[in-house]
Amino acid sequence: MDDRDFHDARIRISRWIEEGAGLLGTVPGLLTEQERLRERLEATERASNRLLQEVNDLRRELDALQSENESLRRERAELADFLADGLGRVLNEAVPRLRAPMAPHGLPAEPSYS
């Protein structure tokens, strides 16, 4: 290695040292940023877990409400059938009475007490 090569190597090493010092100066900021991001990640994970729990709770509540709704629909349908049957019987008994010939004083000719 001659003096010129030695001199060039020395200049390169000096630049590396200067650049290294500059890079090392950024390390504390990077470490601070890494810590801030880690805390943010942990907070986000906690919030995500809370939201997931809420979603699961709401799903269970929705399932219960859907089951109750289905039960109420069945009950309503049964009541409608019951009322239709009852009204049908009442009408079946009332219509013949209404069609019966009327006596002169406004009562059916033959009262029926069934």
PDB file of N, CA and C in Angstrom:
ATOM      1  N   MET A   1       0.844  -1.157   0.000  1.00  0.00           N
ATOM      2  CA  MET A   1       0.000   0.000   0.000  1.00  0.00           C
ATOM      3  C   MET A   1       0.898   1.231   0.000  1.00  0.00           C
ATOM      4  N   ASP A   2       0.701   2.120  -0.932  1.00  0.00           N
ATOM      5  CA  ASP A   2       1.530   3.321  -0.992  1.00  0.00           C
ATOM      6  C   ASP A   2       0.868   4.439  -0.199  1.00  0.00           C
ATOM      7  N   ASP A   3       1.533   5.565  -0.154  1.00  0.00           N
ATOM      8  CA  ASP A   3       1.043   6.697   0.629  1.00  0.00           C
ATOM      9  C   ASP A   3      -0.316   7.185   0.133  1.00  0.00           C
ATOM     10  N   ARG A   4      -0.483   7.156  -1.167  1.00  0.00           N
ATOM     11  CA  ARG A   4      -1.758   7.620  -1.742  1.00  0.00           C
ATOM     12  C   ARG A   4      -2.893   6.716  -1.305  1.00  0.00           C
ATOM     13  N   ASP A   5      -2.746   5.411  -1.383  1.00  0.00           N
ATOM     14  CA  ASP A   5      -3.776   4.460  -0.958  1.00  0.00           C
ATOM     15  C   ASP A   5      -4.042   4.608   0.541  1.00  0.00           C
ATOM     16  N   PHE A   6      -2.954   4.779   1.293  1.00  0.00           N
ATOM     17  CA  PHE A   6      -3.084   4.955   2.738  1.00  0.00           C
ATOM     18  C   PHE A   6      -3.883   6.226   3.041  1.00  0.00           C
ATOM     19  N   HIS A   7      -3.596   7.275   2.333  1.00  0.00           N
ATOM     20  CA  HIS A   7      -4.296   8.549   2.521  1.00  0.00           C
ATOM     21  C   HIS A   7      -5.784   8.410   2.162  1.00  0.00           C
ATOM     22  N   ASP A   8      -6.107   7.751   1.042  1.00  0.00           N
ATOM     23  CA  ASP A   8      -7.498   7.545   0.621  1.00  0.00           C
ATOM     24  C   ASP A   8      -8.248   6.695   1.651  1.00  0.00           C
ATOM     25  N   ALA A   9      -7.584   5.661   2.154  1.00  0.00           N
ATOM     26  CA  ALA A   9      -8.212   4.804   3.153  1.00  0.00           C
ATOM     27  C   ALA A   9      -8.496   5.590   4.421  1.00  0.00           C
ATOM     28  N   ARG A  10      -7.561   6.428   4.803  1.00  0.00           N
ATOM     29  CA  ARG A  10      -7.727   7.243   6.008  1.00  0.00           C
ATOM     30  C   ARG A  10      -8.906   8.200   5.833  1.00  0.00           C
ATOM     31  N   ILE A  11      -9.075   8.791   4.649  1.00  0.00           N
ATOM     32  CA  ILE A  11     -10.195   9.705   4.379  1.00  0.00           C
ATOM     33  C   ILE A  11     -11.518   8.940   4.445  1.00  0.00           C
ATOM     34  N   ARG A  12     -11.556   7.742   3.859  1.00  0.00           N
ATOM     35  CA  ARG A  12     -12.780   6.931   3.889  1.00  0.00           C
ATOM     36  C   ARG A  12     -13.145   6.548   5.318  1.00  0.00           C
ATOM     37  N   ILE A  13     -12.158   6.166   6.088  1.00  0.00           N
ATOM     38  CA  ILE A  13     -12.403   5.790   7.480  1.00  0.00           C
ATOM     39  C   ILE A  13     -12.910   6.996   8.267  1.00  0.00           C
ATOM     40  N   SER A  14     -12.363   8.146   8.034  1.00  0.00           N
ATOM     41  CA  SER A  14     -12.817   9.371   8.714  1.00  0.00           C
ATOM     42  C   SER A  14     -14.266   9.664   8.363  1.00  0.00           C
ATOM     43  N   ARG A  15     -14.621   9.508   7.091  1.00  0.00           N
ATOM     44  CA  ARG A  15     -16.015   9.729   6.675  1.00  0.00           C
ATOM     45  C   ARG A  15     -16.947   8.719   7.344  1.00  0.00           C
ATOM     46  N   TRP A  16     -16.537   7.444   7.390  1.00  0.00           N
ATOM     47  CA  TRP A  16     -17.354   6.415   8.031  1.00  0.00           C
ATOM     48  C   TRP A  16     -17.576   6.743   9.500  1.00  0.00           C
ATOM     49  N   ILE A  17     -16.524   7.219  10.147  1.00  0.00           N
ATOM     50  CA  ILE A  17     -16.641   7.575  11.556  1.00  0.00           C
ATOM     51  C   ILE A  17     -17.629   8.733  11.716  1.00  0.00           C
ATOM     52  N   GLU A  18     -17.521   9.736  10.856  1.00  0.00           N
ATOM     53  CA  GLU A  18     -18.447  10.873  10.919  1.00  0.00           C
ATOM     54  C   GLU A  18     -19.885  10.428  10.649  1.00  0.00           C
ATOM     55  N   GLU A  19     -20.054   9.613   9.594  1.00  0.00           N
ATOM     56  CA  GLU A  19     -21.391   9.121   9.257  1.00  0.00           C
ATOM     57  C   GLU A  19     -21.931   8.243  10.379  1.00  0.00           C
ATOM     58  N   GLY A  20     -21.069   7.405  10.941  1.00  0.00           N
ATOM     59  CA  GLY A  20     -21.470   6.530  12.052  1.00  0.00           C
ATOM     60  C   GLY A  20     -21.924   7.337  13.254  1.00  0.00           C
ATOM     61  N   ALA A  21     -21.206   8.410  13.540  1.00  0.00           N
ATOM     62  CA  ALA A  21     -21.591   9.265  14.667  1.00  0.00           C
ATOM     63  C   ALA A  21     -22.956   9.885  14.412  1.00  0.00           C
ATOM     64  N   GLY A  22     -23.183  10.303  13.183  1.00  0.00           N
ATOM     65  CA  GLY A  22     -24.495  10.868  12.826  1.00  0.00           C
ATOM     66  C   GLY A  22     -25.595   9.823  12.961  1.00  0.00           C
ATOM     67  N   LEU A  23     -25.295   8.610  12.503  1.00  0.00           N
ATOM     68  CA  LEU A  23     -26.283   7.531  12.604  1.00  0.00           C
ATOM     69  C   LEU A  23     -26.537   7.159  14.056  1.00  0.00           C
ATOM     70  N   LEU A  24     -25.482   7.121  14.852  1.00  0.00           N
ATOM     71  CA  LEU A  24     -25.654   6.795  16.263  1.00  0.00           C
ATOM     72  C   LEU A  24     -26.501   7.851  16.969  1.00  0.00           C
ATOM     73  N   GLY A  25     -26.438   9.085  16.495  1.00  0.00           N
ATOM     74  CA  GLY A  25     -27.251  10.148  17.076  1.00  0.00           C
ATOM     75  C   GLY A  25     -28.748   9.924  16.858  1.00  0.00           C
ATOM     76  N   THR A  26     -29.104   9.151  15.828  1.00  0.00           N
ATOM     77  CA  THR A  26     -30.520   8.880  15.551  1.00  0.00           C
ATOM     78  C   THR A  26     -31.066   7.722  16.385  1.00  0.00           C
ATOM     79  N   VAL A  27     -30.178   6.930  16.981  1.00  0.00           N
ATOM     80  CA  VAL A  27     -30.609   5.738  17.734  1.00  0.00           C
ATOM     81  C   VAL A  27     -31.542   6.093  18.900  1.00  0.00           C
ATOM     82  N   PRO A  28     -31.237   7.085  19.749  1.00  0.00           N
ATOM     83  CA  PRO A  28     -32.167   7.388  20.839  1.00  0.00           C
ATOM     84  C   PRO A  28     -33.561   7.767  20.334  1.00  0.00           C
ATOM     85  N   GLY A  29     -33.639   8.530  19.264  1.00  0.00           N
ATOM     86  CA  GLY A  29     -34.941   8.886  18.697  1.00  0.00           C
ATOM     87  C   GLY A  29     -35.679   7.669  18.183  1.00  0.00           C
ATOM     88  N   LEU A  30     -34.933   6.756  17.544  1.00  0.00           N
ATOM     89  CA  LEU A  30     -35.555   5.523  17.047  1.00  0.00           C
ATOM     90  C   LEU A  30     -36.059   4.655  18.200  1.00  0.00           C
ATOM     91  N   LEU A  31     -35.263   4.590  19.279  1.00  0.00           N
ATOM     92  CA  LEU A  31     -35.692   3.805  20.436  1.00  0.00           C
ATOM     93  C   LEU A  31     -36.941   4.415  21.076  1.00  0.00           C
ATOM     94  N   THR A  32     -36.988   5.738  21.152  1.00  0.00           N
ATOM     95  CA  THR A  32     -38.171   6.417  21.700  1.00  0.00           C
ATOM     96  C   THR A  32     -39.390   6.149  20.831  1.00  0.00           C
ATOM     97  N   GLU A  33     -39.192   6.254  19.530  1.00  0.00           N
ATOM     98  CA  GLU A  33     -40.288   5.986  18.588  1.00  0.00           C
ATOM     99  C   GLU A  33     -40.753   4.536  18.693  1.00  0.00           C
ATOM    100  N   GLN A  34     -39.819   3.612  18.835  1.00  0.00           N
ATOM    101  CA  GLN A  34     -40.166   2.185  18.981  1.00  0.00           C
ATOM    102  C   GLN A  34     -40.991   1.967  20.246  1.00  0.00           C
ATOM    103  N   GLU A  35     -40.632   2.609  21.339  1.00  0.00           N
ATOM    104  CA  GLU A  35     -41.368   2.481  22.598  1.00  0.00           C
ATOM    105  C   GLU A  35     -42.776   3.065  22.448  1.00  0.00           C
ATOM    106  N   ARG A  36     -42.879   4.223  21.808  1.00  0.00           N
ATOM    107  CA  ARG A  36     -44.185   4.846  21.593  1.00  0.00           C
ATOM    108  C   ARG A  36     -45.081   3.948  20.741  1.00  0.00           C
ATOM    109  N   LEU A  37     -44.525   3.362  19.701  1.00  0.00           N
ATOM    110  CA  LEU A  37     -45.293   2.463  18.833  1.00  0.00           C
ATOM    111  C   LEU A  37     -45.699   1.184  19.571  1.00  0.00           C
ATOM    112  N   ARG A  38     -44.817   0.689  20.436  1.00  0.00           N
ATOM    113  CA  ARG A  38     -45.151  -0.510  21.215  1.00  0.00           C
ATOM    114  C   ARG A  38     -46.328  -0.223  22.157  1.00  0.00           C
ATOM    115  N   GLU A  39     -46.301   0.936  22.830  1.00  0.00           N
ATOM    116  CA  GLU A  39     -47.393   1.313  23.725  1.00  0.00           C
ATOM    117  C   GLU A  39     -48.692   1.492  22.945  1.00  0.00           C
ATOM    118  N   ARG A  40     -48.579   2.086  21.770  1.00  0.00           N
ATOM    119  CA  ARG A  40     -49.770   2.279  20.931  1.00  0.00           C
ATOM    120  C   ARG A  40     -50.339   0.939  20.482  1.00  0.00           C
ATOM    121  N   LEU A  41     -49.465   0.013  20.132  1.00  0.00           N
ATOM    122  CA  LEU A  41     -49.896  -1.323  19.739  1.00  0.00           C
ATOM    123  C   LEU A  41     -50.615  -2.016  20.890  1.00  0.00           C
ATOM    124  N   GLU A  42     -50.053  -1.935  22.084  1.00  0.00           N
ATOM    125  CA  GLU A  42     -50.678  -2.568  23.242  1.00  0.00           C
ATOM    126  C   GLU A  42     -52.048  -1.967  23.526  1.00  0.00           C
ATOM    127  N   ALA A  43     -52.167  -0.641  23.423  1.00  0.00           N
ATOM    128  CA  ALA A  43     -53.458   0.019  23.639  1.00  0.00           C
ATOM    129  C   ALA A  43     -54.462  -0.420  22.571  1.00  0.00           C
ATOM    130  N   THR A  44     -53.990  -0.534  21.337  1.00  0.00           N
ATOM    131  CA  THR A  44     -54.858  -0.975  20.252  1.00  0.00           C
ATOM    132  C   THR A  44     -55.311  -2.413  20.469  1.00  0.00           C
ATOM    133  N   GLU A  45     -54.424  -3.271  20.929  1.00  0.00           N
ATOM    134  CA  GLU A  45     -54.787  -4.658  21.212  1.00  0.00           C
ATOM    135  C   GLU A  45     -55.814  -4.732  22.335  1.00  0.00           C
ATOM    136  N   ARG A  46     -55.645  -3.906  23.382  1.00  0.00           N
ATOM    137  CA  ARG A  46     -56.628  -3.890  24.477  1.00  0.00           C
ATOM    138  C   ARG A  46     -57.991  -3.435  23.962  1.00  0.00           C
ATOM    139  N   ALA A  47     -57.991  -2.383  23.151  1.00  0.00           N
ATOM    140  CA  ALA A  47     -59.251  -1.892  22.586  1.00  0.00           C
ATOM    141  C   ALA A  47     -59.883  -2.947  21.677  1.00  0.00           C
ATOM    142  N   SER A  48     -59.070  -3.614  20.906  1.00  0.00           N
ATOM    143  CA  SER A  48     -59.564  -4.672  20.022  1.00  0.00           C
ATOM    144  C   SER A  48     -60.191  -5.804  20.829  1.00  0.00           C
ATOM    145  N   ASN A  49     -59.548  -6.182  21.914  1.00  0.00           N
ATOM    146  CA  ASN A  49     -60.096  -7.244  22.767  1.00  0.00           C
ATOM    147  C   ASN A  49     -61.417  -6.822  23.395  1.00  0.00           C
ATOM    148  N   ARG A  50     -61.497  -5.558  23.832  1.00  0.00           N
ATOM    149  CA  ARG A  50     -62.762  -5.058  24.403  1.00  0.00           C
ATOM    150  C   ARG A  50     -63.862  -5.089  23.347  1.00  0.00           C
ATOM    151  N   LEU A  51     -63.545  -4.637  22.139  1.00  0.00           N
ATOM    152  CA  LEU A  51     -64.539  -4.625  21.067  1.00  0.00           C
ATOM    153  C   LEU A  51     -64.969  -6.037  20.691  1.00  0.00           C
ATOM    154  N   LEU A  52     -64.027  -6.957  20.672  1.00  0.00           N
ATOM    155  CA  LEU A  52     -64.361  -8.348  20.369  1.00  0.00           C
ATOM    156  C   LEU A  52     -65.296  -8.910  21.429  1.00  0.00           C
ATOM    157  N   GLN A  53     -65.052  -8.586  22.689  1.00  0.00           N
ATOM    158  CA  GLN A  53     -65.925  -9.036  23.773  1.00  0.00           C
ATOM    159  C   GLN A  53     -67.321  -8.441  23.603  1.00  0.00           C
ATOM    160  N   GLU A  54     -67.381  -7.148  23.247  1.00  0.00           N
ATOM    161  CA  GLU A  54     -68.677  -6.509  23.019  1.00  0.00           C
ATOM    162  C   GLU A  54     -69.416  -7.173  21.859  1.00  0.00           C
ATOM    163  N   VAL A  55     -68.697  -7.468  20.796  1.00  0.00           N
ATOM    164  CA  VAL A  55     -69.318  -8.127  19.642  1.00  0.00           C
ATOM    165  C   VAL A  55     -69.870  -9.485  20.061  1.00  0.00           C
ATOM    166  N   ASN A  56     -69.102 -10.246  20.820  1.00  0.00           N
ATOM    167  CA  ASN A  56     -69.572 -11.556  21.267  1.00  0.00           C
ATOM    168  C   ASN A  56     -70.790 -11.424  22.174  1.00  0.00           C
ATOM    169  N   ASP A  57     -70.778 -10.438  23.067  1.00  0.00           N
ATOM    170  CA  ASP A  57     -71.932 -10.204  23.938  1.00  0.00           C
ATOM    171  C   ASP A  57     -73.160  -9.828  23.115  1.00  0.00           C
ATOM    172  N   LEU A  58     -72.964  -8.958  22.135  1.00  0.00           N
ATOM    173  CA  LEU A  58     -74.080  -8.541  21.286  1.00  0.00           C
ATOM    174  C   LEU A  58     -74.607  -9.704  20.440  1.00  0.00           C
ATOM    175  N   ARG A  59     -73.730 -10.575  20.001  1.00  0.00           N
ATOM    176  CA  ARG A  59     -74.184 -11.753  19.246  1.00  0.00           C
ATOM    177  C   ARG A  59     -75.045 -12.658  20.113  1.00  0.00           C
ATOM    178  N   ARG A  60     -74.613 -12.850  21.370  1.00  0.00           N
ATOM    179  CA  ARG A  60     -75.415 -13.677  22.281  1.00  0.00           C
ATOM    180  C   ARG A  60     -76.771 -13.015  22.537  1.00  0.00           C
ATOM    181  N   GLU A  61     -76.765 -11.703  22.724  1.00  0.00           N
ATOM    182  CA  GLU A  61     -78.016 -10.981  22.944  1.00  0.00           C
ATOM    183  C   GLU A  61     -78.911 -11.069  21.712  1.00  0.00           C
ATOM    184  N   LEU A  62     -78.319 -10.931  20.530  1.00  0.00           N
ATOM    185  CA  LEU A  62     -79.084 -11.037  19.285  1.00  0.00           C
ATOM    186  C   LEU A  62     -79.701 -12.428  19.157  1.00  0.00           C
ATOM    187  N   ASP A  63     -78.928 -13.471  19.458  1.00  0.00           N
ATOM    188  CA  ASP A  63     -79.462 -14.834  19.402  1.00  0.00           C
ATOM    189  C   ASP A  63     -80.649 -14.991  20.335  1.00  0.00           C
ATOM    190  N   ALA A  64     -80.539 -14.457  21.564  1.00  0.00           N
ATOM    191  CA  ALA A  64     -81.632 -14.547  22.528  1.00  0.00           C
ATOM    192  C   ALA A  64     -82.863 -13.786  22.028  1.00  0.00           C
ATOM    193  N   LEU A  65     -82.649 -12.598  21.468  1.00  0.00           N
ATOM    194  CA  LEU A  65     -83.769 -11.809  20.963  1.00  0.00           C
ATOM    195  C   LEU A  65     -84.427 -12.472  19.754  1.00  0.00           C
ATOM    196  N   GLN A  66     -83.618 -13.072  18.888  1.00  0.00           N
ATOM    197  CA  GLN A  66     -84.196 -13.767  17.735  1.00  0.00           C
ATOM    198  C   GLN A  66     -85.025 -14.963  18.186  1.00  0.00           C
ATOM    199  N   SER A  67     -84.544 -15.659  19.199  1.00  0.00           N
ATOM    200  CA  SER A  67     -85.283 -16.797  19.737  1.00  0.00           C
ATOM    201  C   SER A  67     -86.602 -16.326  20.350  1.00  0.00           C
ATOM    202  N   GLU A  68     -86.535 -15.241  21.120  1.00  0.00           N
ATOM    203  CA  GLU A  68     -87.754 -14.688  21.723  1.00  0.00           C
ATOM    204  C   GLU A  68     -88.715 -14.214  20.641  1.00  0.00           C
ATOM    205  N   ASN A  69     -88.198 -13.577  19.603  1.00  0.00           N
ATOM    206  CA  ASN A  69     -89.026 -13.099  18.506  1.00  0.00           C
ATOM    207  C   ASN A  69     -89.738 -14.263  17.818  1.00  0.00           C
ATOM    208  N   GLU A  70     -89.011 -15.339  17.586  1.00  0.00           N
ATOM    209  CA  GLU A  70     -89.601 -16.517  16.944  1.00  0.00           C
ATOM    210  C   GLU A  70     -90.695 -17.111  17.823  1.00  0.00           C
ATOM    211  N   SER A  71     -90.456 -17.152  19.114  1.00  0.00           N
ATOM    212  CA  SER A  71     -91.453 -17.662  20.051  1.00  0.00           C
ATOM    213  C   SER A  71     -92.713 -16.797  20.029  1.00  0.00           C
ATOM    214  N   LEU A  72     -92.524 -15.476  20.013  1.00  0.00           N
ATOM    215  CA  LEU A  72     -93.669 -14.568  19.962  1.00  0.00           C
ATOM    216  C   LEU A  72     -94.435 -14.692  18.645  1.00  0.00           C
ATOM    217  N   ARG A  73     -93.723 -14.923  17.562  1.00  0.00           N
ATOM    218  CA  ARG A  73     -94.399 -15.120  16.269  1.00  0.00           C
ATOM    219  C   ARG A  73     -95.253 -16.396  16.291  1.00  0.00           C
ATOM    220  N   ARG A  74     -94.704 -17.460  16.865  1.00  0.00           N
ATOM    221  CA  ARG A  74     -95.482 -18.702  16.971  1.00  0.00           C
ATOM    222  C   ARG A  74     -96.719 -18.484  17.836  1.00  0.00           C
ATOM    223  N   GLU A  75     -96.524 -17.780  18.957  1.00  0.00           N
ATOM    224  CA  GLU A  75     -97.638 -17.498  19.858  1.00  0.00           C
ATOM    225  C   GLU A  75     -98.708 -16.665  19.151  1.00  0.00           C
ATOM    226  N   ARG A  76     -98.297 -15.668  18.381  1.00  0.00           N
ATOM    227  CA  ARG A  76     -99.241 -14.824  17.635  1.00  0.00           C
ATOM    228  C   ARG A  76    -100.007 -15.660  16.610  1.00  0.00           C
ATOM    229  N   ALA A  77     -99.303 -16.554  15.914  1.00  0.00           N
ATOM    230  CA  ALA A  77     -99.963 -17.400  14.917  1.00  0.00           C
ATOM    231  C   ALA A  77    -100.979 -18.326  15.589  1.00  0.00           C
ATOM    232  N   GLU A  78    -100.612 -18.882  16.746  1.00  0.00           N
ATOM    233  CA  GLU A  78    -101.552 -19.745  17.480  1.00  0.00           C
ATOM    234  C   GLU A  78    -102.780 -18.955  17.923  1.00  0.00           C
ATOM    235  N   LEU A  79    -102.570 -17.739  18.409  1.00  0.00           N
ATOM    236  CA  LEU A  79    -103.677 -16.891  18.837  1.00  0.00           C
ATOM    237  C   LEU A  79    -104.574 -16.538  17.656  1.00  0.00           C
ATOM    238  N   ALA A  80    -103.978 -16.229  16.518  1.00  0.00           N
ATOM    239  CA  ALA A  80    -104.764 -15.916  15.320  1.00  0.00           C
ATOM    240  C   ALA A  80    -105.614 -17.119  14.919  1.00  0.00           C
ATOM    241  N   ASP A  81    -105.040 -18.320  14.953  1.00  0.00           N
ATOM    242  CA  ASP A  81    -105.804 -19.532  14.630  1.00  0.00           C
ATOM    243  C   ASP A  81    -106.949 -19.737  15.623  1.00  0.00           C
ATOM    244  N   PHE A  82    -106.643 -19.517  16.914  1.00  0.00           N
ATOM    245  CA  PHE A  82    -107.652 -19.691  17.956  1.00  0.00           C
ATOM    246  C   PHE A  82    -108.808 -18.707  17.746  1.00  0.00           C
ATOM    247  N   LEU A  83    -108.474 -17.441  17.470  1.00  0.00           N
ATOM    248  CA  LEU A  83    -109.508 -16.431  17.246  1.00  0.00           C
ATOM    249  C   LEU A  83    -110.306 -16.727  15.981  1.00  0.00           C
ATOM    250  N   ALA A  84    -109.636 -17.162  14.931  1.00  0.00           N
ATOM    251  CA  ALA A  84    -110.326 -17.487  13.678  1.00  0.00           C
ATOM    252  C   ALA A  84    -111.299 -18.638  13.896  1.00  0.00           C
ATOM    253  N   ASP A  85    -110.872 -19.650  14.643  1.00  0.00           N
ATOM    254  CA  ASP A  85    -111.765 -20.772  14.936  1.00  0.00           C
ATOM    255  C   ASP A  85    -112.958 -20.314  15.757  1.00  0.00           C
ATOM    256  N   GLY A  86    -112.685 -19.510  16.786  1.00  0.00           N
ATOM    257  CA  GLY A  86    -113.767 -19.030  17.651  1.00  0.00           C
ATOM    258  C   GLY A  86    -114.747 -18.147  16.895  1.00  0.00           C
ATOM    259  N   LEU A  87    -114.216 -17.207  16.118  1.00  0.00           N
ATOM    260  CA  LEU A  87    -115.090 -16.344  15.333  1.00  0.00           C
ATOM    261  C   LEU A  87    -115.869 -17.141  14.291  1.00  0.00           C
ATOM    262  N   GLY A  88    -115.225 -18.132  13.722  1.00  0.00           N
ATOM    263  CA  GLY A  88    -115.900 -18.985  12.743  1.00  0.00           C
ATOM    264  C   GLY A  88    -117.084 -19.704  13.376  1.00  0.00           C
ATOM    265  N   ARG A  89    -116.893 -20.239  14.586  1.00  0.00           N
ATOM    266  CA  ARG A  89    -117.991 -20.922  15.284  1.00  0.00           C
ATOM    267  C   ARG A  89    -119.117 -19.938  15.606  1.00  0.00           C
ATOM    268  N   VAL A  90    -118.739 -18.747  16.098  1.00  0.00           N
ATOM    269  CA  VAL A  90    -119.761 -17.753  16.430  1.00  0.00           C
ATOM    270  C   VAL A  90    -120.550 -17.381  15.184  1.00  0.00           C
ATOM    271  N   LEU A  91    -119.862 -17.134  14.079  1.00  0.00           N
ATOM    272  CA  LEU A  91    -120.556 -16.775  12.841  1.00  0.00           C
ATOM    273  C   LEU A  91    -121.415 -17.924  12.327  1.00  0.00           C
ATOM    274  N   ASN A  92    -120.909 -19.135  12.431  1.00  0.00           N
ATOM    275  CA  ASN A  92    -121.682 -20.299  11.973  1.00  0.00           C
ATOM    276  C   ASN A  92    -122.958 -20.456  12.785  1.00  0.00           C
ATOM    277  N   GLU A  93    -122.920 -20.070  14.040  1.00  0.00           N
ATOM    278  CA  GLU A  93    -124.140 -20.152  14.864  1.00  0.00           C
ATOM    279  C   GLU A  93    -125.027 -18.932  14.650  1.00  0.00           C
ATOM    280  N   ALA A  94    -124.428 -17.744  14.438  1.00  0.00           N
ATOM    281  CA  ALA A  94    -125.211 -16.512  14.337  1.00  0.00           C
ATOM    282  C   ALA A  94    -125.901 -16.370  12.990  1.00  0.00           C
ATOM    283  N   VAL A  95    -125.271 -16.765  11.910  1.00  0.00           N
ATOM    284  CA  VAL A  95    -125.845 -16.567  10.575  1.00  0.00           C
ATOM    285  C   VAL A  95    -127.170 -17.292  10.420  1.00  0.00           C
ATOM    286  N   PRO A  96    -127.283 -18.558  10.807  1.00  0.00           N
ATOM    287  CA  PRO A  96    -128.596 -19.206  10.679  1.00  0.00           C
ATOM    288  C   PRO A  96    -129.674 -18.494  11.505  1.00  0.00           C
ATOM    289  N   ARG A  97    -129.308 -17.989  12.659  1.00  0.00           N
ATOM    290  CA  ARG A  97    -130.292 -17.264  13.481  1.00  0.00           C
ATOM    291  C   ARG A  97    -130.738 -15.986  12.765  1.00  0.00           C
ATOM    292  N   LEU A  98    -129.770 -15.313  12.154  1.00  0.00           N
ATOM    293  CA  LEU A  98    -130.109 -14.080  11.450  1.00  0.00           C
ATOM    294  C   LEU A  98    -130.977 -14.346  10.217  1.00  0.00           C
ATOM    295  N   ARG A  99    -130.852 -15.517   9.636  1.00  0.00           N
ATOM    296  CA  ARG A  99    -131.614 -15.862   8.438  1.00  0.00           C
ATOM    297  C   ARG A  99    -132.978 -16.463   8.781  1.00  0.00           C
ATOM    298  N   ALA A 100    -133.187 -16.801  10.024  1.00  0.00           N
ATOM    299  CA  ALA A 100    -134.462 -17.424  10.430  1.00  0.00           C
ATOM    300  C   ALA A 100    -135.602 -16.431  10.198  1.00  0.00           C
ATOM    301  N   PRO A 101    -136.768 -16.930   9.829  1.00  0.00           N
ATOM    302  CA  PRO A 101    -137.906 -16.030   9.619  1.00  0.00           C
ATOM    303  C   PRO A 101    -138.230 -15.278  10.917  1.00  0.00           C
ATOM    304  N   MET A 102    -138.644 -14.073  10.771  1.00  0.00           N
ATOM    305  CA  MET A 102    -138.936 -13.221  11.920  1.00  0.00           C
ATOM    306  C   MET A 102    -140.433 -13.255  12.216  1.00  0.00           C
ATOM    307  N   ALA A 103    -140.747 -13.294  13.485  1.00  0.00           N
ATOM    308  CA  ALA A 103    -142.150 -13.183  13.922  1.00  0.00           C
ATOM    309  C   ALA A 103    -142.561 -11.721  13.799  1.00  0.00           C
ATOM    310  N   PRO A 104    -143.803 -11.427  13.829  1.00  0.00           N
ATOM    311  CA  PRO A 104    -144.258 -10.056  13.647  1.00  0.00           C
ATOM    312  C   PRO A 104    -143.696  -9.079  14.681  1.00  0.00           C
ATOM    313  N   HIS A 105    -143.359  -9.488  15.832  1.00  0.00           N
ATOM    314  CA  HIS A 105    -142.871  -8.560  16.850  1.00  0.00           C
ATOM    315  C   HIS A 105    -141.344  -8.421  16.836  1.00  0.00           C
ATOM    316  N   GLY A 106    -140.642  -8.966  15.833  1.00  0.00           N
ATOM    317  CA  GLY A 106    -139.219  -8.747  15.653  1.00  0.00           C
ATOM    318  C   GLY A 106    -138.330  -9.813  16.249  1.00  0.00           C
ATOM    319  N   LEU A 107    -138.888 -10.878  16.816  1.00  0.00           N
ATOM    320  CA  LEU A 107    -138.093 -11.973  17.371  1.00  0.00           C
ATOM    321  C   LEU A 107    -138.114 -13.139  16.409  1.00  0.00           C
ATOM    322  N   PRO A 108    -137.134 -14.009  16.446  1.00  0.00           N
ATOM    323  CA  PRO A 108    -137.186 -15.190  15.578  1.00  0.00           C
ATOM    324  C   PRO A 108    -138.427 -16.004  15.886  1.00  0.00           C
ATOM    325  N   ALA A 109    -138.944 -16.676  14.867  1.00  0.00           N
ATOM    326  CA  ALA A 109    -140.157 -17.468  15.029  1.00  0.00           C
ATOM    327  C   ALA A 109    -139.978 -18.532  16.074  1.00  0.00           C
ATOM    328  N   GLU A 110    -138.864 -19.194  16.093  1.00  0.00           N
ATOM    329  CA  GLU A 110    -138.610 -20.243  17.083  1.00  0.00           C
ATOM    330  C   GLU A 110    -137.286 -19.932  17.763  1.00  0.00           C
ATOM    331  N   PRO A 111    -137.302 -19.458  19.005  1.00  0.00           N
ATOM    332  CA  PRO A 111    -136.049 -19.162  19.677  1.00  0.00           C
ATOM    333  C   PRO A 111    -135.217 -20.430  19.835  1.00  0.00           C
ATOM    334  N   SER A 112    -133.908 -20.262  19.708  1.00  0.00           N
ATOM    335  CA  SER A 112    -132.982 -21.388  19.861  1.00  0.00           C
ATOM    336  C   SER A 112    -132.015 -21.024  20.965  1.00  0.00           C
ATOM    337  N   TYR A 113    -131.883 -21.917  21.927  1.00  0.00           N
ATOM    338  CA  TYR A 113    -130.973 -21.673  23.070  1.00  0.00           C
ATOM    339  C   TYR A 113    -129.857 -22.711  23.087  1.00  0.00           C
ATOM    340  N   SER A 114    -129.150 -22.806  22.030  1.00  0.00           N
ATOM    341  CA  SER A 114    -128.095 -23.813  21.990  1.00  0.00           C
ATOM    342  C   SER A 114    -126.803 -23.301  22.509  1.00  0.00           C
TER     343      SER A 114
END
